[in-house]
C-alpha atoms as a PDB file:
ATOM      1  CA  HIS A   1       0.000   0.000   0.000  1.00  0.00           C
ATOM      2  CA  SER A   2       3.036   2.306  -0.181  1.00  0.00           C
ATOM      3  CA  GLY A   3       4.347   4.171  -3.195  1.00  0.00           C
ATOM      4  CA  LEU A   4       7.768   2.508  -3.082  1.00  0.00           C
ATOM      5  CA  ARG A   5       8.776   0.494  -6.142  1.00  0.00           C
ATOM      6  CA  VAL A   6      11.612  -2.029  -6.228  1.00  0.00           C
ATOM      7  CA  SER A   7      13.229  -4.417  -8.685  1.00  0.00           C
ATOM      8  CA  GLU A   8      11.370  -7.717  -8.996  1.00  0.00           C
ATOM      9  CA  ILE A   9      14.419  -9.588  -7.693  1.00  0.00           C
ATOM     10  CA  CYS A  10      15.981  -8.686  -4.347  1.00  0.00           C
ATOM     11  CA  LEU A  11      19.568  -9.724  -3.619  1.00  0.00           C
ATOM     12  CA  GLY A  12      19.952 -11.507  -0.282  1.00  0.00           C
ATOM     13  CA  THR A  13      23.343 -11.237   1.399  1.00  0.00           C
ATOM     14  CA  MET A  14      23.382 -13.622   4.363  1.00  0.00           C
ATOM     15  CA  THR A  15      26.555 -15.412   3.158  1.00  0.00           C
ATOM     16  CA  PHE A  16      28.641 -12.255   2.685  1.00  0.00           C
ATOM     17  CA  GLY A  17      31.585 -12.299   5.063  1.00  0.00           C
ATOM     18  CA  ASN A  18      31.506 -16.043   5.668  1.00  0.00           C
ATOM     19  CA  GLN A  19      30.931 -18.363   2.702  1.00  0.00           C
ATOM     20  CA  ALA A  20      31.607 -15.406   0.381  1.00  0.00           C
ATOM     21  CA  ASP A  21      34.614 -13.241   1.269  1.00  0.00           C
ATOM     22  CA  GLU A  22      34.642  -9.515   0.537  1.00  0.00           C
ATOM     23  CA  ASP A  23      36.003  -9.863  -3.012  1.00  0.00           C
ATOM     24  CA  ALA A  24      33.368 -12.473  -3.887  1.00  0.00           C
ATOM     25  CA  SER A  25      30.671 -10.357  -2.238  1.00  0.00           C
ATOM     26  CA  PHE A  26      31.675  -7.306  -4.272  1.00  0.00           C
ATOM     27  CA  ALA A  27      31.605  -9.387  -7.465  1.00  0.00           C
ATOM     28  CA  ILE A  28      28.083 -10.622  -6.657  1.00  0.00           C
ATOM     29  CA  LEU A  29      26.893  -7.098  -5.850  1.00  0.00           C
ATOM     30  CA  ASP A  30      28.448  -5.766  -9.053  1.00  0.00           C
ATOM     31  CA  ALA A  31      26.773  -8.467 -11.149  1.00  0.00           C
ATOM     32  CA  ALA A  32      23.414  -7.736  -9.535  1.00  0.00           C
ATOM     33  CA  ASP A  33      23.795  -4.014 -10.127  1.00  0.00           C
ATOM     34  CA  GLU A  34      24.705  -4.558 -13.777  1.00  0.00           C
ATOM     35  CA  ALA A  35      21.606  -6.759 -14.173  1.00  0.00           C
ATOM     36  CA  GLY A  36      19.350  -4.016 -12.837  1.00  0.00           C
ATOM     37  CA  ILE A  37      18.813  -5.505  -9.368  1.00  0.00           C
ATOM     38  CA  GLN A  38      18.793  -2.466  -7.140  1.00  0.00           C
ATOM     39  CA  PHE A  39      17.065  -3.954  -4.100  1.00  0.00           C
ATOM     40  CA  ILE A  40      19.468  -5.346  -1.460  1.00  0.00           C
ATOM     41  CA  ASP A  41      18.430  -7.146   1.713  1.00  0.00           C
ATOM     42  CA  THR A  42      20.720  -7.790   4.660  1.00  0.00           C
ATOM     43  CA  ALA A  43      20.528  -8.095   8.466  1.00  0.00           C
ATOM     44  CA  ASP A  44      22.600  -7.077  11.451  1.00  0.00           C
ATOM     45  CA  VAL A  45      23.195 -10.709  12.510  1.00  0.00           C
ATOM     46  CA  TYR A  46      24.571 -11.748   9.100  1.00  0.00           C
ATOM     47  CA  PRO A  47      26.552 -13.677   8.011  1.00  0.00           C
ATOM     48  CA  LEU A  48      24.750 -16.796   9.093  1.00  0.00           C
ATOM     49  CA  GLY A  49      26.827 -19.796  10.035  1.00  0.00           C
ATOM     50  CA  GLY A  50      29.256 -17.886  12.245  1.00  0.00           C
ATOM     51  CA  ASP A  51      29.370 -16.862  15.889  1.00  0.00           C
ATOM     52  CA  LEU A  52      28.904 -13.572  17.750  1.00  0.00           C
ATOM     53  CA  SER A  53      32.349 -12.413  16.646  1.00  0.00           C
ATOM     54  CA  MET A  54      31.059 -12.275  13.057  1.00  0.00           C
ATOM     55  CA  VAL A  55      27.739 -10.456  13.462  1.00  0.00           C
ATOM     56  CA  GLY A  56      27.588  -7.191  11.549  1.00  0.00           C
ATOM     57  CA  ARG A  57      30.230  -8.237   9.036  1.00  0.00           C
ATOM     58  CA  THR A  58      27.749  -8.484   6.155  1.00  0.00           C
ATOM     59  CA  GLU A  59      26.392  -4.983   6.731  1.00  0.00           C
ATOM     60  CA  GLU A  60      29.978  -3.677   6.789  1.00  0.00           C
ATOM     61  CA  ILE A  61      30.713  -5.282   3.411  1.00  0.00           C
ATOM     62  CA  VAL A  62      27.503  -3.925   1.883  1.00  0.00           C
ATOM     63  CA  GLY A  63      28.262  -0.492   3.322  1.00  0.00           C
ATOM     64  CA  ARG A  64      31.759  -0.434   1.839  1.00  0.00           C
ATOM     65  CA  TRP A  65      30.426  -1.531  -1.555  1.00  0.00           C
ATOM     66  CA  LEU A  66      27.813   1.225  -1.540  1.00  0.00           C
ATOM     67  CA  GLN A  67      30.483   3.820  -0.799  1.00  0.00           C
ATOM     68  CA  VAL A  68      33.180   2.502  -3.149  1.00  0.00           C
ATOM     69  CA  ARG A  69      30.777   2.154  -6.075  1.00  0.00           C
ATOM     70  CA  GLY A  70      28.909   5.365  -5.262  1.00  0.00           C
ATOM     71  CA  VAL A  71      25.507   3.753  -5.852  1.00  0.00           C
ATOM     72  CA  ARG A  72      23.660   4.441  -2.599  1.00  0.00           C
ATOM     73  CA  GLU A  73      21.188   6.826  -4.217  1.00  0.00           C
ATOM     74  CA  ARG A  74      19.855   4.215  -6.633  1.00  0.00           C
ATOM     75  CA  VAL A  75      19.780   1.261  -4.223  1.00  0.00           C
ATOM     76  CA  ILE A  76      16.775   0.362  -2.092  1.00  0.00           C
ATOM     77  CA  LEU A  77      18.467  -0.877   1.071  1.00  0.00           C
ATOM     78  CA  ALA A  78      16.782  -3.240   3.513  1.00  0.00           C
ATOM     79  CA  THR A  79      18.116  -4.626   6.768  1.00  0.00           C
ATOM     80  CA  LYS A  80      16.766  -6.275   9.915  1.00  0.00           C
ATOM     81  CA  CYS A  81      17.093  -6.382  13.682  1.00  0.00           C
ATOM     82  CA  ARG A  82      16.097  -8.860  16.411  1.00  0.00           C
ATOM     83  CA  GLY A  83      18.941 -11.333  16.827  1.00  0.00           C
ATOM     84  CA  ALA A  84      21.656 -11.317  19.469  1.00  0.00           C
ATOM     85  CA  MET A  85      24.508  -8.920  18.706  1.00  0.00           C
ATOM     86  CA  SER A  86      26.430  -9.828  21.861  1.00  0.00           C
ATOM     87  CA  SER A  87      25.969 -11.912  24.986  1.00  0.00           C
ATOM     88  CA  ALA A  88      24.394  -8.965  26.845  1.00  0.00           C
ATOM     89  CA  PRO A  89      20.756  -9.723  27.766  1.00  0.00           C
ATOM     90  CA  ASN A  90      19.360  -6.534  26.216  1.00  0.00           C
ATOM     91  CA  ASP A  91      21.416  -6.730  23.020  1.00  0.00           C
ATOM     92  CA  GLN A  92      18.693  -8.727  21.266  1.00  0.00           C
ATOM     93  CA  GLY A  93      14.919  -8.817  20.918  1.00  0.00           C
ATOM     94  CA  LEU A  94      12.392  -6.191  19.872  1.00  0.00           C
ATOM     95  CA  SER A  95      12.349  -3.874  22.872  1.00  0.00           C
ATOM     96  CA  ARG A  96      12.620  -0.115  22.360  1.00  0.00           C
ATOM     97  CA  TYR A  97      16.069  -0.328  23.959  1.00  0.00           C
ATOM     98  CA  HIS A  98      17.400  -2.830  21.455  1.00  0.00           C
ATOM     99  CA  ILE A  99      15.646  -1.555  18.317  1.00  0.00           C
ATOM    100  CA  THR A 100      16.936   2.004  18.670  1.00  0.00           C
ATOM    101  CA  ARG A 101      20.492   0.868  19.415  1.00  0.00           C
ATOM    102  CA  ALA A 102      20.419  -1.742  16.639  1.00  0.00           C
ATOM    103  CA  CYS A 103      19.241   0.807  14.073  1.00  0.00           C
ATOM    104  CA  GLU A 104      22.027   3.243  14.948  1.00  0.00           C
ATOM    105  CA  ALA A 105      24.603   0.454  14.688  1.00  0.00           C
ATOM    106  CA  SER A 106      23.260  -0.668  11.300  1.00  0.00           C
ATOM    107  CA  LEU A 107      23.381   2.889   9.985  1.00  0.00           C
ATOM    108  CA  ARG A 108      27.060   3.100  10.957  1.00  0.00           C
ATOM    109  CA  ARG A 109      27.969  -0.245   9.410  1.00  0.00           C
ATOM    110  CA  LEU A 110      26.049   0.496   6.214  1.00  0.00           C
ATOM    111  CA  GLN A 111      27.573   3.994   6.021  1.00  0.00           C
ATOM    112  CA  THR A 112      24.240   5.630   5.332  1.00  0.00           C
ATOM    113  CA  ASP A 113      21.965   8.101   7.079  1.00  0.00           C
ATOM    114  CA  VAL A 114      18.708   6.272   6.336  1.00  0.00           C
ATOM    115  CA  ILE A 115      17.513   2.684   5.926  1.00  0.00           C
ATOM    116  CA  ASP A 116      14.893   2.329   3.210  1.00  0.00           C
ATOM    117  CA  LEU A 117      13.216  -0.764   4.692  1.00  0.00           C
ATOM    118  CA  TYR A 118      13.817  -1.735   8.328  1.00  0.00           C
ATOM    119  CA  GLN A 119      12.447  -5.144   9.274  1.00  0.00           C
ATOM    120  CA  VAL A 120      12.025  -7.096  12.487  1.00  0.00           C
ATOM    121  CA  HIS A 121      13.760 -10.386  11.711  1.00  0.00           C
ATOM    122  CA  TRP A 122      11.418 -12.706  13.615  1.00  0.00           C
ATOM    123  CA  PRO A 123       8.874 -12.289  16.430  1.00  0.00           C
ATOM    124  CA  ASP A 124       9.722 -11.487  20.033  1.00  0.00           C
ATOM    125  CA  LEU A 125       6.836 -12.816  22.100  1.00  0.00           C
ATOM    126  CA  GLU A 126       8.336 -11.442  25.324  1.00  0.00           C
ATOM    127  CA  THR A 127       7.969  -7.825  24.165  1.00  0.00           C
ATOM    128  CA  PRO A 128       4.553  -6.189  23.658  1.00  0.00           C
ATOM    129  CA  ILE A 129       3.934  -5.490  19.986  1.00  0.00           C
ATOM    130  CA  GLU A 130       2.955  -1.926  20.928  1.00  0.00           C
ATOM    131  CA  GLU A 131       6.456  -1.298  22.298  1.00  0.00           C
ATOM    132  CA  THR A 132       8.034  -2.618  19.116  1.00  0.00           C
ATOM    133  CA  LEU A 133       5.772  -0.605  16.829  1.00  0.00           C
ATOM    134  CA  ARG A 134       6.212   2.611  18.816  1.00  0.00           C
ATOM    135  CA  ALA A 135       9.987   2.287  18.554  1.00  0.00           C
ATOM    136  CA  LEU A 136       9.729   1.724  14.782  1.00  0.00           C
ATOM    137  CA  ASP A 137       7.322   4.656  14.507  1.00  0.00           C
ATOM    138  CA  ASP A 138       9.839   6.909  16.253  1.00  0.00           C
ATOM    139  CA  LEU A 139      12.593   5.827  13.829  1.00  0.00           C
ATOM    140  CA  VAL A 140      10.405   6.721  10.850  1.00  0.00           C
ATOM    141  CA  THR A 141       9.491  10.074  12.414  1.00  0.00           C
ATOM    142  CA  ALA A 142      13.180  10.781  13.041  1.00  0.00           C
ATOM    143  CA  GLY A 143      13.967  10.120   9.366  1.00  0.00           C
ATOM    144  CA  LYS A 144      16.302   7.194  10.094  1.00  0.00           C
ATOM    145  CA  VAL A 145      13.955   4.650   8.500  1.00  0.00           C
ATOM    146  CA  ARG A 146      11.600   5.120   5.551  1.00  0.00           C
ATOM    147  CA  TYR A 147       9.449   1.966   5.675  1.00  0.00           C
ATOM    148  CA  VAL A 148       9.118  -0.932   8.098  1.00  0.00           C
ATOM    149  CA  GLY A 149       8.440  -4.627   7.622  1.00  0.00           C
ATOM    150  CA  CYS A 150       8.564  -7.971   9.376  1.00  0.00           C
ATOM    151  CA  SER A 151      10.069 -11.350   8.617  1.00  0.00           C
ATOM    152  CA  ASN A 152       9.035 -14.859   9.641  1.00  0.00           C
ATOM    153  CA  TYR A 153       5.710 -13.697  11.112  1.00  0.00           C
ATOM    154  CA  PRO A 154       2.762 -16.097  11.042  1.00  0.00           C
ATOM    155  CA  ALA A 155      -0.534 -14.699   9.802  1.00  0.00           C
ATOM    156  CA  TRP A 156      -2.139 -14.458  13.254  1.00  0.00           C
ATOM    157  CA  LEU A 157       0.754 -12.438  14.650  1.00  0.00           C
ATOM    158  CA  LEU A 158       0.969 -10.175  11.614  1.00  0.00           C
ATOM    159  CA  ALA A 159      -2.775  -9.508  11.820  1.00  0.00           C
ATOM    160  CA  GLY A 160      -2.373  -8.508  15.468  1.00  0.00           C
ATOM    161  CA  ALA A 161       0.451  -6.122  14.598  1.00  0.00           C
ATOM    162  CA  LEU A 162      -1.609  -4.472  11.857  1.00  0.00           C
ATOM    163  CA  TRP A 163      -4.528  -4.095  14.262  1.00  0.00           C
ATOM    164  CA  ALA A 164      -2.258  -2.496  16.883  1.00  0.00           C
ATOM    165  CA  SER A 165      -0.900  -0.046  14.297  1.00  0.00           C
ATOM    166  CA  ASP A 166      -4.414   0.970  13.280  1.00  0.00           C
ATOM    167  CA  LYS A 167      -5.581   1.293  16.887  1.00  0.00           C
ATOM    168  CA  HIS A 168      -2.641   3.381  18.122  1.00  0.00           C
ATOM    169  CA  HIS A 169      -1.839   5.172  14.842  1.00  0.00           C
ATOM    170  CA  PHE A 170       1.649   3.662  14.736  1.00  0.00           C
ATOM    171  CA  VAL A 171       3.614   3.074  11.566  1.00  0.00           C
ATOM    172  CA  ARG A 172       2.338  -0.031   9.783  1.00  0.00           C
ATOM    173  CA  PHE A 173       4.278  -2.975   8.409  1.00  0.00           C
ATOM    174  CA  ASP A 174       4.580  -2.485   4.652  1.00  0.00           C
ATOM    175  CA  THR A 175       6.187  -5.840   3.901  1.00  0.00           C
ATOM    176  CA  VAL A 176       6.541  -9.369   5.201  1.00  0.00           C
ATOM    177  CA  GLN A 177       9.457 -11.684   4.397  1.00  0.00           C
ATOM    178  CA  PRO A 178       8.501 -15.375   4.703  1.00  0.00           C
ATOM    179  CA  ARG A 179      10.191 -18.575   3.655  1.00  0.00           C
ATOM    180  CA  TYR A 180       8.587 -19.880   0.457  1.00  0.00           C
ATOM    181  CA  ASN A 181       9.386 -22.400  -2.254  1.00  0.00           C
ATOM    182  CA  ILE A 182       7.679 -25.278  -4.046  1.00  0.00           C
ATOM    183  CA  LEU A 183       8.583 -27.589  -1.144  1.00  0.00           C
ATOM    184  CA  PHE A 184       7.455 -25.146   1.573  1.00  0.00           C
ATOM    185  CA  ARG A 185       4.100 -23.645   0.655  1.00  0.00           C
ATOM    186  CA  MET A 186       2.301 -23.149   3.982  1.00  0.00           C
ATOM    187  CA  ILE A 187       2.074 -19.376   3.565  1.00  0.00           C
ATOM    188  CA  GLU A 188      -0.453 -19.918   0.772  1.00  0.00           C
ATOM    189  CA  ASP A 189      -3.108 -20.921   3.331  1.00  0.00           C
ATOM    190  CA  GLU A 190      -3.343 -17.763   5.449  1.00  0.00           C
ATOM    191  CA  LEU A 191      -0.372 -15.416   5.146  1.00  0.00           C
ATOM    192  CA  LEU A 192      -0.619 -14.631   1.435  1.00  0.00           C
ATOM    193  CA  PRO A 193      -4.401 -14.017   1.533  1.00  0.00           C
ATOM    194  CA  LEU A 194      -3.850 -11.676   4.503  1.00  0.00           C
ATOM    195  CA  CYS A 195      -1.127  -9.800   2.631  1.00  0.00           C
ATOM    196  CA  GLN A 196      -3.335  -9.459  -0.428  1.00  0.00           C
ATOM    197  CA  ALA A 197      -6.260  -8.173   1.630  1.00  0.00           C
ATOM    198  CA  GLN A 198      -4.075  -5.711   3.568  1.00  0.00           C
ATOM    199  CA  GLU A 199      -1.911  -4.705   0.579  1.00  0.00           C
ATOM    200  CA  LEU A 200       1.424  -5.811   2.029  1.00  0.00           C
ATOM    201  CA  GLY A 201       4.452  -6.462  -0.136  1.00  0.00           C
ATOM    202  CA  VAL A 202       5.798 -10.026   0.056  1.00  0.00           C
ATOM    203  CA  MET A 203       9.554 -10.683  -0.128  1.00  0.00           C
ATOM    204  CA  VAL A 204      10.038 -14.437  -0.116  1.00  0.00           C
ATOM    205  CA  TYR A 205      13.340 -16.038   0.800  1.00  0.00           C
ATOM    206  CA  ASN A 206      14.724 -19.551   0.299  1.00  0.00           C
ATOM    207  CA  PRO A 207      13.139 -19.842  -3.194  1.00  0.00           C
ATOM    208  CA  LEU A 208      15.513 -22.658  -4.204  1.00  0.00           C
ATOM    209  CA  ALA A 209      15.183 -24.509  -0.885  1.00  0.00           C
ATOM    210  CA  GLY A 210      18.845 -24.162  -0.035  1.00  0.00           C
ATOM    211  CA  GLY A 211      19.865 -25.867  -3.271  1.00  0.00           C
ATOM    212  CA  MET A 212      17.383 -28.736  -3.115  1.00  0.00           C
ATOM    213  CA  LEU A 213      15.713 -27.419  -6.278  1.00  0.00           C
ATOM    214  CA  THR A 214      18.970 -26.948  -8.213  1.00  0.00           C
ATOM    215  CA  ALA A 215      20.265 -30.539  -8.137  1.00  0.00           C
ATOM    216  CA  ARG A 216      22.888 -29.481  -5.600  1.00  0.00           C
ATOM    217  CA  TYR A 217      22.162 -32.664  -3.679  1.00  0.00           C
ATOM    218  CA  VAL A 218      22.222 -35.907  -5.648  1.00  0.00           C
ATOM    219  CA  GLU A 219      20.838 -39.135  -4.258  1.00  0.00           C
ATOM    220  CA  LYS A 220      23.348 -41.956  -4.278  1.00  0.00           C
ATOM    221  CA  ALA A 221      22.474 -45.626  -4.411  1.00  0.00           C
END
């Protein structure tokens, strides 16, 4: 329901800084840019597959690429918060305390003054949704975030968040990012109809099922 338009394909970056080193990451980003993919999605806890010493590395690589190539103005940049950034008890979750600190840290790593799409990475059932939404609303009002979204939210929880936004006049989730592929189609039952009815953008991840749909894994007799 927003006026934002993005390329049909979004480049995910969760391997940058681990499976893909910085040179490989730059090559992937360059190839995407040349192909007209100007929508990049990352997260503060990336790269996946590492430990707490590695969190933030992907955002740093993306930030350096944006600066070196001078392409920030034409890129729609998305990132996420929720996961643990250290062993400190409040350095994770969707509290006001963590969201505001996580956003500032992502802005520094990405070397930008605004995040186009800021997403909550997965639910935090220990924090009231009103607290989460108010914190996101404040970030939008402050001009640090343009749009907000959620990832890995079931339909019932997303519906509750939309209701809370309407009730309290908070910023509203514009997008949802669920897992979806031909082997994992559960979102077709409730989540996709909800998104269609409420005019939410859908950014699916895991479209190739981690290589299962590309013959990466071959059955041996």
